[in-house]
């Protein structure tokens, strides 16, 4: 059956042209900077001429001067204080005016960070900025009054690593204090108006999918739908959606407006649209020739991570009794979806989110009195090492090591006990809700490449069964039950974030089963022989674990780890070891208390 002239979809898709949305799409301002061919001052020289030292509690606002189409961009840098008792929307105290000034914080992509050819007149200095930033400034400039902005490229001396580090500590507060945050997606294209129609006009995605399954619509109608669908894809493929820093910028904002050229819509319209698409995506269409939603599989996860609220995150960390270190790692693992220019920002870009969402806990590793040191002079390896040790010292537990992931193909510059966040892969974070045995040994941040743990050697890997997903799935299901006694004892191990995460992780093929020879036999009669076999002969370990590797139960942890003696594989005791990840093996800790506590130096 084909649709007729009165088809709702045909009417919705009717070609009504860009000007029907009321925008001026001539884009004259965005093109004006291309006509100015005079040389510009490159960043290092501009930094020397423009920036004076500021205090730890200060930043800079940009006063963007008014102008008309074709006028060059002009601005002034203003020193401003960011200390006050209020947060949302109050502005910053500008010294020159002796008053609080409201401002807009810009969230955008730099573009090519090595090409600064677009001119911006900042006082007497002709600064070179990226083309994307120049386009944003032309579109944000007001015709008759100045526009006060906070823009990372200009507000921070990017050539001063110390100043960059101090701004990271304040970044979330800066975005909170802004009157609004403007997301700049870039200049509009020929298809932008079609994409924005999905944001402005209600579209019934579920009805559309059902009718596509029933072949309700004509080929011409489907072609029009495909054009609009591709316009929406193009919009969501813009680089802004892939940036790591956008999570903090959106998280901290009181109000977010998304701008693409002259088209502007609130952020809530974007999240609402994605929620509708995600819901409708469950309805499968009969052929690849019609609209599919596969493109949004990864994108919806990114937008879901962007749409969380500070209040929701505070509630989550409080209600599940998650240690701050575990919460930090949850945020970092979600951040693996996004891209960074500087790999150290996989840690630094999330500090504000974690600190804000866990502010109710005075002992939190992100509490202001326990702030994680930010230093762009440190190497990537040292930053990752510092994070693990900082969390261990502040929380006195080893949650930051309880991450299931493939151990193959790691960055060789990182020690074995550091999670390589530069790799995008399935991971499962094991969190039993802060049920830790004793406290973890305090770590020395100045001792690079080494992490010293204390614990008990409880078993030795005897045989690897292989990474067969079907066998692993069957073993995992058996490991969780069905014996009532075993299930009761295993309940706390499964229901604090492990079951759901690891169920998905099992299917990734990165973990396998192993037989373990326990160092201490169970007391006779404690469990029947089948339960003993299940819980004390089987372990779930990462790929790469070999026969002879050791199972150790650490102080400050609530699960066992696999380690490999770096000099004499297969022997326990004090020495240097390679960390091979968590091992899901034997939740009954009481059976190991009689074993001696030893020192394990991980390298």
Foldseek 3Di string as FASTA:
>chain_A
DADDPPDPLCVLLPPPDLCVVPFDQPLQLLCLQVVDQDFADEQVVCLVVADDDDDLQKWWKWWWFADDRNDATEIEIFIWGLDDDDFAAQATQTPVVRDGDAAEEEQEDQPPPVDFGGFHHYPPHTHGGGSQVSSVSSLPHHHPGIHIYDYCVPGFSPVDQVRVQSVLLCVLRNLRNHNFYEYELGADDPLQSLLCSCLVPPDQLQVVLVCLQVVHHDPVSQVSVVSSVVSNVVSLPRQSLQALLLLSNLQSHPWYWYDHRRDIDTPVSVLVSLVSLVVNQVRDGDDPVGDHDPSCPLSNLSVVSNPDYLVVLLCVCVVLLFALLLVLVVNLLSSLSHDDPAVLCSNSSCLVSSCSSPVVDCLHCSHPVNHQRRGPVDDSQLSQVSSQLSRQQSRQARQQQQKDDFQPPDDPVHFQSGDDSNDNDQMARFDLNQPFAAGWDHDDSVDPSKDKFKFFFWWFWAFWPALDLVVLLVLVVVLCDDDPVSVVLCVSRCPSRNVVSVNVVSNRSFKTKTFIDTPFDDDPPPDDPVVCCSFAGIKIFGPPDDGLWIWTDTHRYQFIWTWAAPPDGNDDAEHETGTRGTMHHHRPCVRCPPGDMGMYMGD
